[in-house]
Amino acid sequence: MNTSVGVLHPGAMGAAVGAVLTSRGTPVSWLPAGRGPATRRRAEDARLTEAQDLAGCDVILSVCPPAAALDVARSVAGFTGVYVDANAISPGHATEVARILAGATVVDGGIVGPPPRQAGTTRLYLSGPAAAVTLVEGLFAGSDLRPVALDGPIGKASALKLAFASYNKLTFALAAQSHALAERHGVGGELRELAADVLPHTPLGAPGGIASAGQRAWRWEGEMAEIAGACADAGLSPAFVTAAQELFGRWREHRDDDGVTVLDLLQALVTRPG
């Protein structure tokens, strides 16, 4: 008998994770109430099944923007199955999810990489109760989303996710700041040539990636808030991360904007929002 899974909610990442499961014959449900046409298209493409609720599911996967993670958990507070919070939240918030869902078995998850559409690109780290981790690991074993079980409590997977993201995403903030500074002083072309020669495989040396970061900054801003909280809880200064959060906030209007350019984003850094 297949394990039945529900996904909250099928954004770009959630739909891709759901598609990994449906491609293996696992039934996956989603809730269309209150969702727009783009969400519906993603759900249909992933072969997800519409449902009025997810109470009958064995497993619920929460894949949403970090700022929404606690509210999403509260929306299914009576659930009694296995709940996987696969969001970029702090270890403290992962523990809070477990308190909210006291009747469920909560697994802490951290997705590292792009939406899983081919093998070798994306990992799902898992921590928490061993039996539940093993169940979720089995759902994805051998798939395009590689599950990695960590020996430890809820919060461990989230900590690893945020530690990696704090480096990976901050490099885009640093590169954008550097290019904006160079442009303001008339040496943008020279910086691009220098960085492409010396640091070719970084966001500084390949600044085209900054445009993609700008489109996703609406999510990254919230992720920086989670990282800042995790740093403060660990006795580390959150100032560096908070500065990146403010930078990503300046790109909020370019959410999912396929036409945004690097120059558009650099200009946003030197013109304060009204």
C-alpha atoms as a PDB file:
ATOM      1  CA  MET A   1       0.000   0.000   0.000  1.00  0.00           C
ATOM      2  CA  ASN A   2       1.376   3.411  -1.020  1.00  0.00           C
ATOM      3  CA  THR A   3       2.019   6.085   1.568  1.00  0.00           C
ATOM      4  CA  SER A   4      -0.288   9.027   0.825  1.00  0.00           C
ATOM      5  CA  VAL A   5       1.313  12.460   0.876  1.00  0.00           C
ATOM      6  CA  GLY A   6      -0.012  16.019   0.994  1.00  0.00           C
ATOM      7  CA  VAL A   7       1.948  19.102  -0.082  1.00  0.00           C
ATOM      8  CA  LEU A   8       1.521  22.556   1.458  1.00  0.00           C
ATOM      9  CA  HIS A   9       1.825  24.391  -0.943  1.00  0.00           C
ATOM     10  CA  PRO A  10       2.921  23.649  -4.509  1.00  0.00           C
ATOM     11  CA  GLY A  11       5.111  26.624  -5.325  1.00  0.00           C
ATOM     12  CA  ALA A  12       8.085  26.090  -7.628  1.00  0.00           C
ATOM     13  CA  MET A  13       9.907  23.927  -5.079  1.00  0.00           C
ATOM     14  CA  GLY A  14       6.863  22.211  -3.558  1.00  0.00           C
ATOM     15  CA  ALA A  15       5.477  21.225  -6.954  1.00  0.00           C
ATOM     16  CA  ALA A  16       8.831  19.819  -8.046  1.00  0.00           C
ATOM     17  CA  VAL A  17       9.093  17.787  -4.836  1.00  0.00           C
ATOM     18  CA  GLY A  18       5.544  16.539  -5.390  1.00  0.00           C
ATOM     19  CA  ALA A  19       6.404  15.584  -8.974  1.00  0.00           C
ATOM     20  CA  VAL A  20       9.305  13.464  -7.721  1.00  0.00           C
ATOM     21  CA  LEU A  21       6.794  11.450  -5.688  1.00  0.00           C
ATOM     22  CA  THR A  22       4.034  11.174  -8.298  1.00  0.00           C
ATOM     23  CA  SER A  23       6.586   9.988 -10.862  1.00  0.00           C
ATOM     24  CA  ARG A  24       7.224   7.053  -8.506  1.00  0.00           C
ATOM     25  CA  GLY A  25       3.534   6.231  -8.104  1.00  0.00           C
ATOM     26  CA  THR A  26       3.051   7.912  -4.732  1.00  0.00           C
ATOM     27  CA  PRO A  27      -0.324   9.685  -4.498  1.00  0.00           C
ATOM     28  CA  VAL A  28       0.140  13.358  -3.623  1.00  0.00           C
ATOM     29  CA  SER A  29      -2.680  15.756  -2.700  1.00  0.00           C
ATOM     30  CA  TRP A  30      -2.845  19.529  -2.474  1.00  0.00           C
ATOM     31  CA  LEU A  31      -5.388  22.123  -1.332  1.00  0.00           C
ATOM     32  CA  PRO A  32      -6.634  24.447  -4.089  1.00  0.00           C
ATOM     33  CA  ALA A  33      -8.669  26.710  -1.802  1.00  0.00           C
ATOM     34  CA  GLY A  34      -7.305  30.244  -1.902  1.00  0.00           C
ATOM     35  CA  ARG A  35      -4.601  29.408  -4.460  1.00  0.00           C
ATOM     36  CA  GLY A  36      -4.149  31.195  -7.770  1.00  0.00           C
ATOM     37  CA  PRO A  37      -3.949  29.945 -11.367  1.00  0.00           C
ATOM     38  CA  ALA A  38      -0.131  29.675 -11.323  1.00  0.00           C
ATOM     39  CA  THR A  39      -0.307  27.297  -8.354  1.00  0.00           C
ATOM     40  CA  ARG A  40      -2.988  25.257 -10.100  1.00  0.00           C
ATOM     41  CA  ARG A  41      -0.835  24.958 -13.242  1.00  0.00           C
ATOM     42  CA  ARG A  42       2.132  23.774 -11.215  1.00  0.00           C
ATOM     43  CA  ALA A  43      -0.029  21.236  -9.367  1.00  0.00           C
ATOM     44  CA  GLU A  44      -1.491  19.895 -12.608  1.00  0.00           C
ATOM     45  CA  ASP A  45       1.946  19.635 -14.225  1.00  0.00           C
ATOM     46  CA  ALA A  46       3.168  17.691 -11.174  1.00  0.00           C
ATOM     47  CA  ARG A  47       0.095  15.398 -11.326  1.00  0.00           C
ATOM     48  CA  LEU A  48      -1.075  16.342  -7.850  1.00  0.00           C
ATOM     49  CA  THR A  49      -4.639  15.573  -6.790  1.00  0.00           C
ATOM     50  CA  GLU A  50      -6.986  18.267  -5.504  1.00  0.00           C
ATOM     51  CA  ALA A  51      -8.370  17.686  -2.007  1.00  0.00           C
ATOM     52  CA  GLN A  52     -10.599  19.519   0.467  1.00  0.00           C
ATOM     53  CA  ASP A  53      -8.301  18.641   3.355  1.00  0.00           C
ATOM     54  CA  LEU A  54      -5.229  16.540   4.057  1.00  0.00           C
ATOM     55  CA  ALA A  55      -6.520  14.774   7.153  1.00  0.00           C
ATOM     56  CA  GLY A  56      -6.342  11.357   5.465  1.00  0.00           C
ATOM     57  CA  CYS A  57      -2.716  11.701   4.375  1.00  0.00           C
ATOM     58  CA  ASP A  58       0.013   9.671   6.032  1.00  0.00           C
ATOM     59  CA  VAL A  59       2.610  12.396   5.455  1.00  0.00           C
ATOM     60  CA  ILE A  60       2.335  16.152   4.935  1.00  0.00           C
ATOM     61  CA  LEU A  61       5.220  18.076   3.394  1.00  0.00           C
ATOM     62  CA  SER A  62       5.358  21.794   4.151  1.00  0.00           C
ATOM     63  CA  VAL A  63       7.324  23.651   1.462  1.00  0.00           C
ATOM     64  CA  CYS A  64       6.613  27.372   1.704  1.00  0.00           C
ATOM     65  CA  PRO A  65       8.333  30.743   2.236  1.00  0.00           C
ATOM     66  CA  PRO A  66      10.039  30.806   5.657  1.00  0.00           C
ATOM     67  CA  ALA A  67       7.815  33.559   7.045  1.00  0.00           C
ATOM     68  CA  ALA A  68       4.727  31.398   6.436  1.00  0.00           C
ATOM     69  CA  ALA A  69       6.015  28.165   8.004  1.00  0.00           C
ATOM     70  CA  LEU A  70       4.419  28.580  11.432  1.00  0.00           C
ATOM     71  CA  ASP A  71       1.058  29.666  10.019  1.00  0.00           C
ATOM     72  CA  VAL A  72       1.078  26.706   7.610  1.00  0.00           C
ATOM     73  CA  ALA A  73       1.710  24.375  10.549  1.00  0.00           C
ATOM     74  CA  ARG A  74      -1.149  25.986  12.486  1.00  0.00           C
ATOM     75  CA  SER A  75      -3.476  25.441   9.508  1.00  0.00           C
ATOM     76  CA  VAL A  76      -3.230  21.658  10.040  1.00  0.00           C
ATOM     77  CA  ALA A  77      -2.871  21.691  13.825  1.00  0.00           C
ATOM     78  CA  GLY A  78      -5.076  18.603  14.258  1.00  0.00           C
ATOM     79  CA  PHE A  79      -2.993  16.411  11.927  1.00  0.00           C
ATOM     80  CA  THR A  80      -1.791  13.152  13.492  1.00  0.00           C
ATOM     81  CA  GLY A  81       0.503  11.691  10.817  1.00  0.00           C
ATOM     82  CA  VAL A  82       4.103  12.550   9.898  1.00  0.00           C
ATOM     83  CA  TYR A  83       4.636  16.246   9.208  1.00  0.00           C
ATOM     84  CA  VAL A  84       7.812  17.267   7.393  1.00  0.00           C
ATOM     85  CA  ASP A  85       8.707  20.920   7.711  1.00  0.00           C
ATOM     86  CA  ALA A  86      11.065  21.354   4.749  1.00  0.00           C
ATOM     87  CA  ASN A  87      11.359  25.120   5.044  1.00  0.00           C
ATOM     88  CA  ALA A  88      14.339  27.404   5.553  1.00  0.00           C
ATOM     89  CA  ILE A  89      13.546  28.166   9.185  1.00  0.00           C
ATOM     90  CA  SER A  90      15.677  28.452  12.285  1.00  0.00           C
ATOM     91  CA  PRO A  91      16.165  25.482  14.635  1.00  0.00           C
ATOM     92  CA  GLY A  92      14.094  27.381  17.190  1.00  0.00           C
ATOM     93  CA  HIS A  93      11.191  27.721  14.780  1.00  0.00           C
ATOM     94  CA  ALA A  94      11.515  24.046  13.804  1.00  0.00           C
ATOM     95  CA  THR A  95      11.043  23.196  17.476  1.00  0.00           C
ATOM     96  CA  GLU A  96       8.043  25.532  17.605  1.00  0.00           C
ATOM     97  CA  VAL A  97       6.475  23.678  14.665  1.00  0.00           C
ATOM     98  CA  ALA A  98       6.752  20.495  16.727  1.00  0.00           C
ATOM     99  CA  ARG A  99       4.954  22.218  19.627  1.00  0.00           C
ATOM    100  CA  ILE A 100       2.179  23.443  17.331  1.00  0.00           C
ATOM    101  CA  LEU A 101       1.684  19.932  15.926  1.00  0.00           C
ATOM    102  CA  ALA A 102       1.815  18.081  19.229  1.00  0.00           C
ATOM    103  CA  GLY A 103      -0.436  15.304  17.894  1.00  0.00           C
ATOM    104  CA  ALA A 104       1.750  14.624  14.856  1.00  0.00           C
ATOM    105  CA  THR A 105       5.248  13.230  14.441  1.00  0.00           C
ATOM    106  CA  VAL A 106       7.314  16.142  13.153  1.00  0.00           C
ATOM    107  CA  VAL A 107      10.399  15.681  10.996  1.00  0.00           C
ATOM    108  CA  ASP A 108      12.761  18.593  10.486  1.00  0.00           C
ATOM    109  CA  GLY A 109      13.763  18.983   6.835  1.00  0.00           C
ATOM    110  CA  GLY A 110      16.111  21.203   4.883  1.00  0.00           C
ATOM    111  CA  ILE A 111      16.169  21.323   1.065  1.00  0.00           C
ATOM    112  CA  VAL A 112      19.505  22.344  -0.433  1.00  0.00           C
ATOM    113  CA  GLY A 113      19.637  23.007  -4.165  1.00  0.00           C
ATOM    114  CA  PRO A 114      17.207  23.967  -6.936  1.00  0.00           C
ATOM    115  CA  PRO A 115      13.798  22.366  -7.560  1.00  0.00           C
ATOM    116  CA  PRO A 116      14.691  18.681  -8.145  1.00  0.00           C
ATOM    117  CA  ARG A 117      14.305  17.906 -11.831  1.00  0.00           C
ATOM    118  CA  GLN A 118      17.426  15.812 -12.351  1.00  0.00           C
ATOM    119  CA  ALA A 119      19.600  13.626 -10.171  1.00  0.00           C
ATOM    120  CA  GLY A 120      22.586  15.046  -8.342  1.00  0.00           C
ATOM    121  CA  THR A 121      21.348  18.619  -7.862  1.00  0.00           C
ATOM    122  CA  THR A 122      19.202  18.655  -4.730  1.00  0.00           C
ATOM    123  CA  ARG A 123      19.297  17.142  -1.256  1.00  0.00           C
ATOM    124  CA  LEU A 124      16.674  16.805   1.460  1.00  0.00           C
ATOM    125  CA  TYR A 125      18.266  16.693   4.900  1.00  0.00           C
ATOM    126  CA  LEU A 126      16.142  15.111   7.624  1.00  0.00           C
ATOM    127  CA  SER A 127      16.365  14.974  11.406  1.00  0.00           C
ATOM    128  CA  GLY A 128      14.063  14.065  14.257  1.00  0.00           C
ATOM    129  CA  PRO A 129      12.313  10.845  15.368  1.00  0.00           C
ATOM    130  CA  ALA A 130      14.181   7.947  13.750  1.00  0.00           C
ATOM    131  CA  ALA A 131      11.192   5.925  12.516  1.00  0.00           C
ATOM    132  CA  ALA A 132       9.585   8.941  10.864  1.00  0.00           C
ATOM    133  CA  VAL A 133      12.884  10.012   9.285  1.00  0.00           C
ATOM    134  CA  THR A 134      13.281   6.505   7.879  1.00  0.00           C
ATOM    135  CA  LEU A 135       9.758   6.638   6.420  1.00  0.00           C
ATOM    136  CA  VAL A 136      10.404   9.956   4.657  1.00  0.00           C
ATOM    137  CA  GLU A 137      13.844   8.834   3.531  1.00  0.00           C
ATOM    138  CA  GLY A 138      12.213   5.806   1.893  1.00  0.00           C
ATOM    139  CA  LEU A 139       9.761   7.989  -0.033  1.00  0.00           C
ATOM    140  CA  PHE A 140      12.637   9.684  -1.874  1.00  0.00           C
ATOM    141  CA  ALA A 141      15.358   7.017  -1.899  1.00  0.00           C
ATOM    142  CA  GLY A 142      16.865   6.686  -5.372  1.00  0.00           C
ATOM    143  CA  SER A 143      14.965   9.697  -6.722  1.00  0.00           C
ATOM    144  CA  ASP A 144      16.071  13.058  -8.123  1.00  0.00           C
ATOM    145  CA  LEU A 145      15.700  14.448  -4.584  1.00  0.00           C
ATOM    146  CA  ARG A 146      18.409  12.771  -2.530  1.00  0.00           C
ATOM    147  CA  PRO A 147      17.369  12.221   1.111  1.00  0.00           C
ATOM    148  CA  VAL A 148      20.086  12.484   3.760  1.00  0.00           C
ATOM    149  CA  ALA A 149      19.211  11.382   7.299  1.00  0.00           C
ATOM    150  CA  LEU A 150      21.035  13.159  10.127  1.00  0.00           C
ATOM    151  CA  ASP A 151      21.472  11.551  13.510  1.00  0.00           C
ATOM    152  CA  GLY A 152      19.956  14.124  15.792  1.00  0.00           C
ATOM    153  CA  PRO A 153      16.860  15.957  17.005  1.00  0.00           C
ATOM    154  CA  ILE A 154      14.515  18.410  15.344  1.00  0.00           C
ATOM    155  CA  GLY A 155      16.505  21.517  14.456  1.00  0.00           C
ATOM    156  CA  LYS A 156      19.611  19.766  13.190  1.00  0.00           C
ATOM    157  CA  ALA A 157      18.519  19.657   9.540  1.00  0.00           C
ATOM    158  CA  SER A 158      17.382  23.279   9.718  1.00  0.00           C
ATOM    159  CA  ALA A 159      20.715  24.337  11.197  1.00  0.00           C
ATOM    160  CA  LEU A 160      22.628  22.683   8.361  1.00  0.00           C
ATOM    161  CA  LYS A 161      20.341  24.229   5.731  1.00  0.00           C
ATOM    162  CA  LEU A 162      20.732  27.725   7.178  1.00  0.00           C
ATOM    163  CA  ALA A 163      24.487  27.384   7.689  1.00  0.00           C
ATOM    164  CA  PHE A 164      24.883  26.524   4.009  1.00  0.00           C
ATOM    165  CA  ALA A 165      22.436  29.215   2.870  1.00  0.00           C
ATOM    166  CA  SER A 166      24.156  31.871   4.948  1.00  0.00           C
ATOM    167  CA  TYR A 167      27.268  31.416   2.831  1.00  0.00           C
ATOM    168  CA  ASN A 168      25.650  30.635  -0.509  1.00  0.00           C
ATOM    169  CA  LYS A 169      23.161  33.504  -0.551  1.00  0.00           C
ATOM    170  CA  LEU A 170      25.357  36.063   1.144  1.00  0.00           C
ATOM    171  CA  THR A 171      27.822  35.697  -1.735  1.00  0.00           C
ATOM    172  CA  PHE A 172      25.159  37.164  -4.050  1.00  0.00           C
ATOM    173  CA  ALA A 173      24.589  40.072  -1.671  1.00  0.00           C
ATOM    174  CA  LEU A 174      28.321  40.741  -1.461  1.00  0.00           C
ATOM    175  CA  ALA A 175      28.740  40.532  -5.236  1.00  0.00           C
ATOM    176  CA  ALA A 176      25.830  42.900  -5.831  1.00  0.00           C
ATOM    177  CA  GLN A 177      27.209  45.404  -3.322  1.00  0.00           C
ATOM    178  CA  SER A 178      30.651  45.231  -4.945  1.00  0.00           C
ATOM    179  CA  HIS A 179      29.318  45.730  -8.463  1.00  0.00           C
ATOM    180  CA  ALA A 180      27.048  48.583  -7.316  1.00  0.00           C
ATOM    181  CA  LEU A 181      30.022  50.333  -5.688  1.00  0.00           C
ATOM    182  CA  ALA A 182      32.131  49.911  -8.824  1.00  0.00           C
ATOM    183  CA  GLU A 183      29.333  51.230 -11.050  1.00  0.00           C
ATOM    184  CA  ARG A 184      28.912  54.318  -8.874  1.00  0.00           C
ATOM    185  CA  HIS A 185      32.596  55.142  -9.321  1.00  0.00           C
ATOM    186  CA  GLY A 186      32.722  54.427 -13.043  1.00  0.00           C
ATOM    187  CA  VAL A 187      34.796  51.260 -12.831  1.00  0.00           C
ATOM    188  CA  GLY A 188      32.053  48.673 -13.348  1.00  0.00           C
ATOM    189  CA  GLY A 189      33.556  47.299 -16.552  1.00  0.00           C
ATOM    190  CA  GLU A 190      36.975  47.046 -14.975  1.00  0.00           C
ATOM    191  CA  LEU A 191      35.596  45.137 -11.982  1.00  0.00           C
ATOM    192  CA  ARG A 192      33.737  42.739 -14.266  1.00  0.00           C
ATOM    193  CA  GLU A 193      36.922  42.031 -16.245  1.00  0.00           C
ATOM    194  CA  LEU A 194      39.029  41.603 -13.114  1.00  0.00           C
ATOM    195  CA  ALA A 195      36.527  39.348 -11.339  1.00  0.00           C
ATOM    196  CA  ALA A 196      35.895  37.227 -14.456  1.00  0.00           C
ATOM    197  CA  ASP A 197      39.646  36.608 -14.697  1.00  0.00           C
ATOM    198  CA  VAL A 198      40.421  36.042 -11.014  1.00  0.00           C
ATOM    199  CA  LEU A 199      37.127  34.664  -9.596  1.00  0.00           C
ATOM    200  CA  PRO A 200      35.295  33.267 -12.640  1.00  0.00           C
ATOM    201  CA  HIS A 201      33.095  30.752 -10.839  1.00  0.00           C
ATOM    202  CA  THR A 202      31.653  33.124  -8.244  1.00  0.00           C
ATOM    203  CA  PRO A 203      28.731  35.588  -8.317  1.00  0.00           C
ATOM    204  CA  LEU A 204      31.330  38.368  -8.475  1.00  0.00           C
ATOM    205  CA  GLY A 205      32.991  36.910 -11.577  1.00  0.00           C
ATOM    206  CA  ALA A 206      29.743  35.767 -13.204  1.00  0.00           C
ATOM    207  CA  PRO A 207      27.327  38.540 -12.211  1.00  0.00           C
ATOM    208  CA  GLY A 208      24.552  37.288 -14.481  1.00  0.00           C
ATOM    209  CA  GLY A 209      23.464  35.101 -11.573  1.00  0.00           C
ATOM    210  CA  ILE A 210      22.576  38.236  -9.612  1.00  0.00           C
ATOM    211  CA  ALA A 211      19.526  38.672 -11.866  1.00  0.00           C
ATOM    212  CA  SER A 212      18.212  35.260 -10.826  1.00  0.00           C
ATOM    213  CA  ALA A 213      18.894  36.122  -7.188  1.00  0.00           C
ATOM    214  CA  GLY A 214      16.870  39.299  -7.595  1.00  0.00           C
ATOM    215  CA  GLN A 215      13.848  37.334  -8.774  1.00  0.00           C
ATOM    216  CA  ARG A 216      14.025  35.148  -5.659  1.00  0.00           C
ATOM    217  CA  ALA A 217      14.974  37.853  -3.161  1.00  0.00           C
ATOM    218  CA  TRP A 218      11.410  38.039  -1.800  1.00  0.00           C
ATOM    219  CA  ARG A 219      12.023  34.571  -0.343  1.00  0.00           C
ATOM    220  CA  TRP A 220      15.647  35.172   0.551  1.00  0.00           C
ATOM    221  CA  GLU A 221      14.749  38.225   2.626  1.00  0.00           C
ATOM    222  CA  GLY A 222      12.705  36.007   4.949  1.00  0.00           C
ATOM    223  CA  GLU A 223      15.405  33.367   4.951  1.00  0.00           C
ATOM    224  CA  MET A 224      17.942  35.953   6.117  1.00  0.00           C
ATOM    225  CA  ALA A 225      15.628  36.784   9.021  1.00  0.00           C
ATOM    226  CA  GLU A 226      15.626  33.101  10.008  1.00  0.00           C
ATOM    227  CA  ILE A 227      19.420  32.911   9.726  1.00  0.00           C
ATOM    228  CA  ALA A 228      19.806  36.073  11.804  1.00  0.00           C
ATOM    229  CA  GLY A 229      17.611  34.541  14.503  1.00  0.00           C
ATOM    230  CA  ALA A 230      19.586  31.304  14.427  1.00  0.00           C
ATOM    231  CA  CYS A 231      22.851  33.249  14.732  1.00  0.00           C
ATOM    232  CA  ALA A 232      21.560  35.221  17.710  1.00  0.00           C
ATOM    233  CA  ASP A 233      20.379  32.017  19.394  1.00  0.00           C
ATOM    234  CA  ALA A 234      23.860  30.535  18.879  1.00  0.00           C
ATOM    235  CA  GLY A 235      25.590  33.565  20.411  1.00  0.00           C
ATOM    236  CA  LEU A 236      26.794  34.868  17.034  1.00  0.00           C
ATOM    237  CA  SER A 237      26.311  38.411  15.796  1.00  0.00           C
ATOM    238  CA  PRO A 238      23.391  38.597  13.336  1.00  0.00           C
ATOM    239  CA  ALA A 239      24.543  41.975  11.951  1.00  0.00           C
ATOM    240  CA  PHE A 240      26.143  40.626   8.775  1.00  0.00           C
ATOM    241  CA  VAL A 241      23.021  38.625   7.886  1.00  0.00           C
ATOM    242  CA  THR A 242      20.653  41.445   8.831  1.00  0.00           C
ATOM    243  CA  ALA A 243      22.479  43.705   6.358  1.00  0.00           C
ATOM    244  CA  ALA A 244      21.914  41.117   3.610  1.00  0.00           C
ATOM    245  CA  GLN A 245      18.249  40.920   4.605  1.00  0.00           C
ATOM    246  CA  GLU A 246      17.943  44.686   4.073  1.00  0.00           C
ATOM    247  CA  LEU A 247      19.687  44.417   0.698  1.00  0.00           C
ATOM    248  CA  PHE A 248      17.381  41.647  -0.529  1.00  0.00           C
ATOM    249  CA  GLY A 249      14.415  43.690   0.673  1.00  0.00           C
ATOM    250  CA  ARG A 250      15.278  46.353  -1.887  1.00  0.00           C
ATOM    251  CA  TRP A 251      14.622  43.821  -4.641  1.00  0.00           C
ATOM    252  CA  ARG A 252      11.160  42.856  -3.401  1.00  0.00           C
ATOM    253  CA  GLU A 253       9.375  44.485  -6.330  1.00  0.00           C
ATOM    254  CA  HIS A 254      11.221  42.203  -8.763  1.00  0.00           C
ATOM    255  CA  ARG A 255       9.586  39.034  -7.430  1.00  0.00           C
ATOM    256  CA  ASP A 256       9.618  36.413 -10.215  1.00  0.00           C
ATOM    257  CA  ASP A 257      10.442  39.182 -12.736  1.00  0.00           C
ATOM    258  CA  ASP A 258      11.984  37.392 -15.713  1.00  0.00           C
ATOM    259  CA  GLY A 259      12.837  40.717 -17.339  1.00  0.00           C
ATOM    260  CA  VAL A 260      14.897  42.206 -14.508  1.00  0.00           C
ATOM    261  CA  THR A 261      18.519  43.011 -15.354  1.00  0.00           C
ATOM    262  CA  VAL A 262      21.612  43.155 -13.190  1.00  0.00           C
ATOM    263  CA  LEU A 263      21.779  46.911 -13.744  1.00  0.00           C
ATOM    264  CA  ASP A 264      18.165  47.256 -12.515  1.00  0.00           C
ATOM    265  CA  LEU A 265      19.101  45.470  -9.311  1.00  0.00           C
ATOM    266  CA  LEU A 266      22.309  47.446  -8.774  1.00  0.00           C
ATOM    267  CA  GLN A 267      20.389  50.692  -9.194  1.00  0.00           C
ATOM    268  CA  ALA A 268      17.917  49.543  -6.535  1.00  0.00           C
ATOM    269  CA  LEU A 269      20.794  49.336  -4.065  1.00  0.00           C
ATOM    270  CA  VAL A 270      21.745  52.997  -4.432  1.00  0.00           C
ATOM    271  CA  THR A 271      18.221  54.417  -4.478  1.00  0.00           C
ATOM    272  CA  ARG A 272      16.506  54.057  -1.151  1.00  0.00           C
ATOM    273  CA  PRO A 273      12.828  53.049  -1.320  1.00  0.00           C
ATOM    274  CA  GLY A 274      10.443  55.907  -0.544  1.00  0.00           C
END
